PDB file of N, CA and C in Angstrom:
ATOM      1  N   UNK A   1      39.324-131.017-209.786  1.00  0.00           N
ATOM      2  CA  UNK A   1      39.377-130.775-211.205  1.00  0.00           C
ATOM      3  C   UNK A   1      38.192-129.907-211.616  1.00  0.00           C
ATOM      4  N   UNK A   2      38.374-129.198-212.700  1.00  0.00           N
ATOM      5  CA  UNK A   2      37.316-128.326-213.200  1.00  0.00           C
ATOM      6  C   UNK A   2      36.246-129.136-213.916  1.00  0.00           C
ATOM      7  N   UNK A   3      35.017-128.718-213.737  1.00  0.00           N
ATOM      8  CA  UNK A   3      33.897-129.373-214.400  1.00  0.00           C
ATOM      9  C   UNK A   3      33.622-128.631-215.699  1.00  0.00           C
ATOM     10  N   UNK A   4      33.848-129.258-216.841  1.00  0.00           N
ATOM     11  CA  UNK A   4      33.707-128.615-218.148  1.00  0.00           C
ATOM     12  C   UNK A   4      32.398-128.968-218.842  1.00  0.00           C
ATOM     13  N   UNK A   5      31.414-129.445-218.122  1.00  0.00           N
ATOM     14  CA  UNK A   5      30.140-129.778-218.758  1.00  0.00           C
ATOM     15  C   UNK A   5      29.353-128.501-219.037  1.00  0.00           C
ATOM     16  N   UNK A   6      28.564-128.494-220.113  1.00  0.00           N
ATOM     17  CA  UNK A   6      27.758-127.300-220.429  1.00  0.00           C
ATOM     18  C   UNK A   6      26.781-126.975-219.301  1.00  0.00           C
ATOM     19  N   UNK A   7      26.620-125.675-219.015  1.00  0.00           N
ATOM     20  CA  UNK A   7      25.795-125.277-217.885  1.00  0.00           C
ATOM     21  C   UNK A   7      24.517-124.549-218.297  1.00  0.00           C
ATOM     22  N   UNK A   8      24.425-124.064-219.520  1.00  0.00           N
ATOM     23  CA  UNK A   8      23.275-123.261-219.920  1.00  0.00           C
ATOM     24  C   UNK A   8      22.158-124.109-220.490  1.00  0.00           C
ATOM     25  N   UNK A   9      20.955-123.558-220.550  1.00  0.00           N
ATOM     26  CA  UNK A   9      19.820-124.326-221.061  1.00  0.00           C
ATOM     27  C   UNK A   9      19.929-124.644-222.546  1.00  0.00           C
ATOM     28  N   UNK A  10      20.570-123.792-223.329  1.00  0.00           N
ATOM     29  CA  UNK A  10      20.704-124.062-224.754  1.00  0.00           C
ATOM     30  C   UNK A  10      21.654-125.236-224.980  1.00  0.00           C
ATOM     31  N   UNK A  11      22.718-125.265-224.227  1.00  0.00           N
ATOM     32  CA  UNK A  11      23.671-126.344-224.388  1.00  0.00           C
ATOM     33  C   UNK A  11      23.086-127.690-223.971  1.00  0.00           C
ATOM     34  N   UNK A  12      22.176-127.662-223.040  1.00  0.00           N
ATOM     35  CA  UNK A  12      21.582-128.900-222.559  1.00  0.00           C
ATOM     36  C   UNK A  12      20.381-129.322-223.396  1.00  0.00           C
ATOM     37  N   UNK A  13      19.942-128.483-224.304  1.00  0.00           N
ATOM     38  CA  UNK A  13      18.832-128.834-225.171  1.00  0.00           C
ATOM     39  C   UNK A  13      17.477-128.533-224.569  1.00  0.00           C
ATOM     40  N   UNK A  14      17.408-127.714-223.523  1.00  0.00           N
ATOM     41  CA  UNK A  14      16.127-127.387-222.913  1.00  0.00           C
ATOM     42  C   UNK A  14      15.329-126.471-223.841  1.00  0.00           C
ATOM     43  N   UNK A  15      14.036-126.547-223.732  1.00  0.00           N
ATOM     44  CA  UNK A  15      13.161-125.712-224.558  1.00  0.00           C
ATOM     45  C   UNK A  15      13.177-124.271-224.059  1.00  0.00           C
ATOM     46  N   UNK A  16      13.205-123.328-224.996  1.00  0.00           N
ATOM     47  CA  UNK A  16      13.173-121.914-224.654  1.00  0.00           C
ATOM     48  C   UNK A  16      11.718-121.476-224.491  1.00  0.00           C
ATOM     49  N   UNK A  17      11.496-120.486-223.635  1.00  0.00           N
ATOM     50  CA  UNK A  17      10.165-119.940-223.433  1.00  0.00           C
ATOM     51  C   UNK A  17       9.981-118.784-224.414  1.00  0.00           C
ATOM     52  N   UNK A  18       9.549-119.106-225.633  1.00  0.00           N
ATOM     53  CA  UNK A  18       9.456-118.103-226.687  1.00  0.00           C
ATOM     54  C   UNK A  18       8.350-117.092-226.429  1.00  0.00           C
ATOM     55  N   UNK A  19       7.285-117.505-225.780  1.00  0.00           N
ATOM     56  CA  UNK A  19       6.209-116.555-225.480  1.00  0.00           C
ATOM     57  C   UNK A  19       6.702-115.483-224.510  1.00  0.00           C
ATOM     58  N   UNK A  20       7.447-115.879-223.501  1.00  0.00           N
ATOM     59  CA  UNK A  20       7.993-114.909-222.542  1.00  0.00           C
ATOM     60  C   UNK A  20       9.030-114.009-223.208  1.00  0.00           C
ATOM     61  N   UNK A  21       9.837-114.581-224.081  1.00  0.00           N
ATOM     62  CA  UNK A  21      10.827-113.797-224.823  1.00  0.00           C
ATOM     63  C   UNK A  21      10.131-112.753-225.691  1.00  0.00           C
ATOM     64  N   UNK A  22       9.061-113.138-226.350  1.00  0.00           N
ATOM     65  CA  UNK A  22       8.323-112.223-227.211  1.00  0.00           C
ATOM     66  C   UNK A  22       7.685-111.097-226.395  1.00  0.00           C
ATOM     67  N   UNK A  23       7.106-111.409-225.237  1.00  0.00           N
ATOM     68  CA  UNK A  23       6.521-110.386-224.378  1.00  0.00           C
ATOM     69  C   UNK A  23       7.581-109.400-223.891  1.00  0.00           C
ATOM     70  N   UNK A  24       8.746-109.905-223.512  1.00  0.00           N
ATOM     71  CA  UNK A  24       9.827-109.040-223.039  1.00  0.00           C
ATOM     72  C   UNK A  24      10.327-108.123-224.152  1.00  0.00           C
ATOM     73  N   UNK A  25      10.455-108.661-225.362  1.00  0.00           N
ATOM     74  CA  UNK A  25      10.898-107.869-226.502  1.00  0.00           C
ATOM     75  C   UNK A  25       9.914-106.734-226.793  1.00  0.00           C
ATOM     76  N   UNK A  26       8.626-107.052-226.806  1.00  0.00           N
ATOM     77  CA  UNK A  26       7.622-106.023-227.099  1.00  0.00           C
ATOM     78  C   UNK A  26       7.560-104.975-225.988  1.00  0.00           C
ATOM     79  N   UNK A  27       7.732-105.380-224.747  1.00  0.00           N
ATOM     80  CA  UNK A  27       7.766-104.422-223.646  1.00  0.00           C
ATOM     81  C   UNK A  27       8.965-103.486-223.775  1.00  0.00           C
ATOM     82  N   UNK A  28      10.132-104.044-224.097  1.00  0.00           N
ATOM     83  CA  UNK A  28      11.322-103.226-224.274  1.00  0.00           C
ATOM     84  C   UNK A  28      11.137-102.236-225.427  1.00  0.00           C
ATOM     85  N   UNK A  29      10.596-102.679-226.534  1.00  0.00           N
ATOM     86  CA  UNK A  29      10.403-101.795-227.682  1.00  0.00           C
ATOM     87  C   UNK A  29       9.388-100.693-227.374  1.00  0.00           C
ATOM     88  N   UNK A  30       8.339-101.020-226.624  1.00  0.00           N
ATOM     89  CA  UNK A  30       7.356-100.011-226.240  1.00  0.00           C
ATOM     90  C   UNK A  30       7.970 -98.972-225.319  1.00  0.00           C
ATOM     91  N   UNK A  31       8.735 -99.429-224.329  1.00  0.00           N
ATOM     92  CA  UNK A  31       9.378 -98.481-223.414  1.00  0.00           C
ATOM     93  C   UNK A  31      10.403 -97.617-224.142  1.00  0.00           C
ATOM     94  N   UNK A  32      11.143 -98.195-225.072  1.00  0.00           N
ATOM     95  CA  UNK A  32      12.120 -97.413-225.834  1.00  0.00           C
ATOM     96  C   UNK A  32      11.421 -96.378-226.712  1.00  0.00           C
ATOM     97  N   UNK A  33      10.326 -96.765-227.326  1.00  0.00           N
ATOM     98  CA  UNK A  33       9.589 -95.872-228.220  1.00  0.00           C
ATOM     99  C   UNK A  33       9.003 -94.681-227.457  1.00  0.00           C
ATOM    100  N   UNK A  34       8.307 -94.959-226.363  1.00  0.00           N
ATOM    101  CA  UNK A  34       7.669 -93.872-225.625  1.00  0.00           C
ATOM    102  C   UNK A  34       8.669 -93.106-224.762  1.00  0.00           C
ATOM    103  N   UNK A  35       9.745 -93.748-224.349  1.00  0.00           N
ATOM    104  CA  UNK A  35      10.805 -93.034-223.646  1.00  0.00           C
ATOM    105  C   UNK A  35      11.472 -92.016-224.552  1.00  0.00           C
ATOM    106  N   UNK A  36      11.691 -92.403-225.803  1.00  0.00           N
ATOM    107  CA  UNK A  36      12.262 -91.466-226.777  1.00  0.00           C
ATOM    108  C   UNK A  36      11.317 -90.309-227.046  1.00  0.00           C
ATOM    109  N   UNK A  37      10.029 -90.599-227.081  1.00  0.00           N
ATOM    110  CA  UNK A  37       9.038 -89.536-227.268  1.00  0.00           C
ATOM    111  C   UNK A  37       9.092 -88.522-226.132  1.00  0.00           C
ATOM    112  N   UNK A  38       9.163 -88.990-224.904  1.00  0.00           N
ATOM    113  CA  UNK A  38       9.190 -88.086-223.751  1.00  0.00           C
ATOM    114  C   UNK A  38      10.474 -87.255-223.745  1.00  0.00           C
ATOM    115  N   UNK A  39      11.598 -87.872-224.063  1.00  0.00           N
ATOM    116  CA  UNK A  39      12.860 -87.134-224.103  1.00  0.00           C
ATOM    117  C   UNK A  39      12.820 -86.060-225.188  1.00  0.00           C
ATOM    118  N   UNK A  40      12.296 -86.401-226.356  1.00  0.00           N
ATOM    119  CA  UNK A  40      12.186 -85.408-227.433  1.00  0.00           C
ATOM    120  C   UNK A  40      11.239 -84.282-227.043  1.00  0.00           C
ATOM    121  N   UNK A  41      10.141 -84.609-226.373  1.00  0.00           N
ATOM    122  CA  UNK A  41       9.188 -83.579-225.938  1.00  0.00           C
ATOM    123  C   UNK A  41       9.825 -82.663-224.902  1.00  0.00           C
ATOM    124  N   UNK A  42      10.600 -83.224-223.991  1.00  0.00           N
ATOM    125  CA  UNK A  42      11.290 -82.396-222.988  1.00  0.00           C
ATOM    126  C   UNK A  42      12.286 -81.456-223.660  1.00  0.00           C
ATOM    127  N   UNK A  43      13.073 -81.981-224.593  1.00  0.00           N
ATOM    128  CA  UNK A  43      14.066 -81.145-225.270  1.00  0.00           C
ATOM    129  C   UNK A  43      13.415 -80.023-226.077  1.00  0.00           C
ATOM    130  N   UNK A  44      12.334 -80.332-226.793  1.00  0.00           N
ATOM    131  CA  UNK A  44      11.662 -79.290-227.571  1.00  0.00           C
ATOM    132  C   UNK A  44      11.010 -78.245-226.667  1.00  0.00           C
ATOM    133  N   UNK A  45      10.442 -78.683-225.567  1.00  0.00           N
ATOM    134  CA  UNK A  45       9.833 -77.740-224.635  1.00  0.00           C
ATOM    135  C   UNK A  45      10.879 -76.846-223.978  1.00  0.00           C
ATOM    136  N   UNK A  46      12.012 -77.414-223.630  1.00  0.00           N
ATOM    137  CA  UNK A  46      13.088 -76.605-223.046  1.00  0.00           C
ATOM    138  C   UNK A  46      13.643 -75.615-224.058  1.00  0.00           C
ATOM    139  N   UNK A  47      13.765 -76.046-225.311  1.00  0.00           N
ATOM    140  CA  UNK A  47      14.236 -75.125-226.349  1.00  0.00           C
ATOM    141  C   UNK A  47      13.240 -73.987-226.539  1.00  0.00           C
ATOM    142  N   UNK A  48      11.962 -74.309-226.506  1.00  0.00           N
ATOM    143  CA  UNK A  48      10.940 -73.269-226.632  1.00  0.00           C
ATOM    144  C   UNK A  48      10.983 -72.311-225.452  1.00  0.00           C
ATOM    145  N   UNK A  49      11.237 -72.841-224.273  1.00  0.00           N
ATOM    146  CA  UNK A  49      11.282 -72.006-223.069  1.00  0.00           C
ATOM    147  C   UNK A  49      12.493 -71.073-223.075  1.00  0.00           C
ATOM    148  N   UNK A  50      13.677 -71.628-223.368  1.00  0.00           N
ATOM    149  CA  UNK A  50      14.903 -70.850-223.216  1.00  0.00           C
ATOM    150  C   UNK A  50      15.314 -70.077-224.460  1.00  0.00           C
ATOM    151  N   UNK A  51      15.055 -70.617-225.630  1.00  0.00           N
ATOM    152  CA  UNK A  51      15.500 -69.954-226.855  1.00  0.00           C
ATOM    153  C   UNK A  51      14.437 -68.993-227.378  1.00  0.00           C
ATOM    154  N   UNK A  52      13.195 -69.460-227.423  1.00  0.00           N
ATOM    155  CA  UNK A  52      12.137 -68.628-227.993  1.00  0.00           C
ATOM    156  C   UNK A  52      11.474 -67.742-226.948  1.00  0.00           C
ATOM    157  N   UNK A  53      11.854 -67.897-225.690  1.00  0.00           N
ATOM    158  CA  UNK A  53      11.287 -67.117-224.585  1.00  0.00           C
ATOM    159  C   UNK A  53       9.759 -67.221-224.574  1.00  0.00           C
ATOM    160  N   UNK A  54       9.277 -68.458-224.674  1.00  0.00           N
ATOM    161  CA  UNK A  54       7.836 -68.683-224.741  1.00  0.00           C
ATOM    162  C   UNK A  54       7.139 -68.657-223.407  1.00  0.00           C
ATOM    163  N   UNK A  55       7.870 -68.789-222.328  1.00  0.00           N
ATOM    164  CA  UNK A  55       7.247 -68.808-221.014  1.00  0.00           C
ATOM    165  C   UNK A  55       7.036 -70.230-220.525  1.00  0.00           C
ATOM    166  N   UNK A  56       6.950 -70.367-219.212  1.00  0.00           N
ATOM    167  CA  UNK A  56       6.855 -71.697-218.603  1.00  0.00           C
ATOM    168  C   UNK A  56       5.510 -72.344-218.897  1.00  0.00           C
ATOM    169  N   UNK A  57       4.430 -71.573-218.864  1.00  0.00           N
ATOM    170  CA  UNK A  57       3.108 -72.138-219.122  1.00  0.00           C
ATOM    171  C   UNK A  57       3.007 -72.655-220.556  1.00  0.00           C
ATOM    172  N   UNK A  58       3.491 -71.881-221.508  1.00  0.00           N
ATOM    173  CA  UNK A  58       3.453 -72.297-222.909  1.00  0.00           C
ATOM    174  C   UNK A  58       4.329 -73.525-223.139  1.00  0.00           C
ATOM    175  N   UNK A  59       5.448 -73.631-222.433  1.00  0.00           N
ATOM    176  CA  UNK A  59       6.314 -74.794-222.577  1.00  0.00           C
ATOM    177  C   UNK A  59       5.656 -76.058-222.033  1.00  0.00           C
ATOM    178  N   UNK A  60       4.935 -75.914-220.934  1.00  0.00           N
ATOM    179  CA  UNK A  60       4.228 -77.074-220.373  1.00  0.00           C
ATOM    180  C   UNK A  60       3.109 -77.516-221.314  1.00  0.00           C
ATOM    181  N   UNK A  61       2.397 -76.562-221.870  1.00  0.00           N
ATOM    182  CA  UNK A  61       1.340 -76.891-222.833  1.00  0.00           C
ATOM    183  C   UNK A  61       1.936 -77.566-224.063  1.00  0.00           C
ATOM    184  N   UNK A  62       3.063 -77.069-224.537  1.00  0.00           N
ATOM    185  CA  UNK A  62       3.738 -77.669-225.684  1.00  0.00           C
ATOM    186  C   UNK A  62       4.185 -79.096-225.370  1.00  0.00           C
ATOM    187  N   UNK A  63       4.723 -79.322-224.177  1.00  0.00           N
ATOM    188  CA  UNK A  63       5.152 -80.665-223.770  1.00  0.00           C
ATOM    189  C   UNK A  63       3.962 -81.629-223.776  1.00  0.00           C
ATOM    190  N   UNK A  64       2.856 -81.207-223.192  1.00  0.00           N
ATOM    191  CA  UNK A  64       1.672 -82.073-223.146  1.00  0.00           C
ATOM    192  C   UNK A  64       1.142 -82.330-224.555  1.00  0.00           C
ATOM    193  N   UNK A  65       1.129 -81.310-225.381  1.00  0.00           N
ATOM    194  CA  UNK A  65       0.655 -81.455-226.756  1.00  0.00           C
ATOM    195  C   UNK A  65       1.527 -82.432-227.545  1.00  0.00           C
ATOM    196  N   UNK A  66       2.831 -82.307-227.421  1.00  0.00           N
ATOM    197  CA  UNK A  66       3.742 -83.213-228.126  1.00  0.00           C
ATOM    198  C   UNK A  66       3.548 -84.646-227.639  1.00  0.00           C
ATOM    199  N   UNK A  67       3.390 -84.833-226.337  1.00  0.00           N
ATOM    200  CA  UNK A  67       3.199 -86.184-225.792  1.00  0.00           C
ATOM    201  C   UNK A  67       1.891 -86.806-226.267  1.00  0.00           C
ATOM    202  N   UNK A  68       0.827 -86.028-226.299  1.00  0.00           N
ATOM    203  CA  UNK A  68      -0.469 -86.563-226.732  1.00  0.00           C
ATOM    204  C   UNK A  68      -0.450 -86.913-228.218  1.00  0.00           C
ATOM    205  N   UNK A  69       0.049 -86.005-229.039  1.00  0.00           N
ATOM    206  CA  UNK A  69       0.120 -86.273-230.480  1.00  0.00           C
ATOM    207  C   UNK A  69       1.065 -87.445-230.765  1.00  0.00           C
ATOM    208  N   UNK A  70       2.193 -87.476-230.100  1.00  0.00           N
ATOM    209  CA  UNK A  70       3.135 -88.567-230.282  1.00  0.00           C
ATOM    210  C   UNK A  70       2.578 -89.909-229.857  1.00  0.00           C
ATOM    211  N   UNK A  71       1.785 -89.919-228.778  1.00  0.00           N
ATOM    212  CA  UNK A  71       1.173 -91.167-228.322  1.00  0.00           C
ATOM    213  C   UNK A  71       0.258 -91.742-229.390  1.00  0.00           C
ATOM    214  N   UNK A  72      -0.575 -90.870-229.987  1.00  0.00           N
ATOM    215  CA  UNK A  72      -1.492 -91.355-231.011  1.00  0.00           C
ATOM    216  C   UNK A  72      -0.765 -91.744-232.298  1.00  0.00           C
ATOM    217  N   UNK A  73       0.340 -91.119-232.601  1.00  0.00           N
ATOM    218  CA  UNK A  73       1.105 -91.482-233.798  1.00  0.00           C
ATOM    219  C   UNK A  73       1.909 -92.765-233.603  1.00  0.00           C
ATOM    220  N   UNK A  74       2.348 -93.040-232.386  1.00  0.00           N
ATOM    221  CA  UNK A  74       3.203 -94.203-232.145  1.00  0.00           C
ATOM    222  C   UNK A  74       2.458 -95.462-231.722  1.00  0.00           C
ATOM    223  N   UNK A  75       1.156 -95.381-231.511  1.00  0.00           N
ATOM    224  CA  UNK A  75       0.420 -96.567-231.074  1.00  0.00           C
ATOM    225  C   UNK A  75       0.496 -97.680-232.051  1.00  0.00           C
TER     226      UNK A  75
END
């Protein structure tokens, strides 16, 4: 016969580890925030390279500049 008893910790009334949940949430939000910054910096640098014909060196400098400014704005 099938066992229909609850199997999860919430159903059994176990205590949740809220500190670990909070750390995981903040880590995810930080990675999402800075990951979005890097993707935006890559896209803007590529647009500068291919559309504005700025050159590879100028695009790399622009990428680094966007990442540094974005880091200080998003902290």
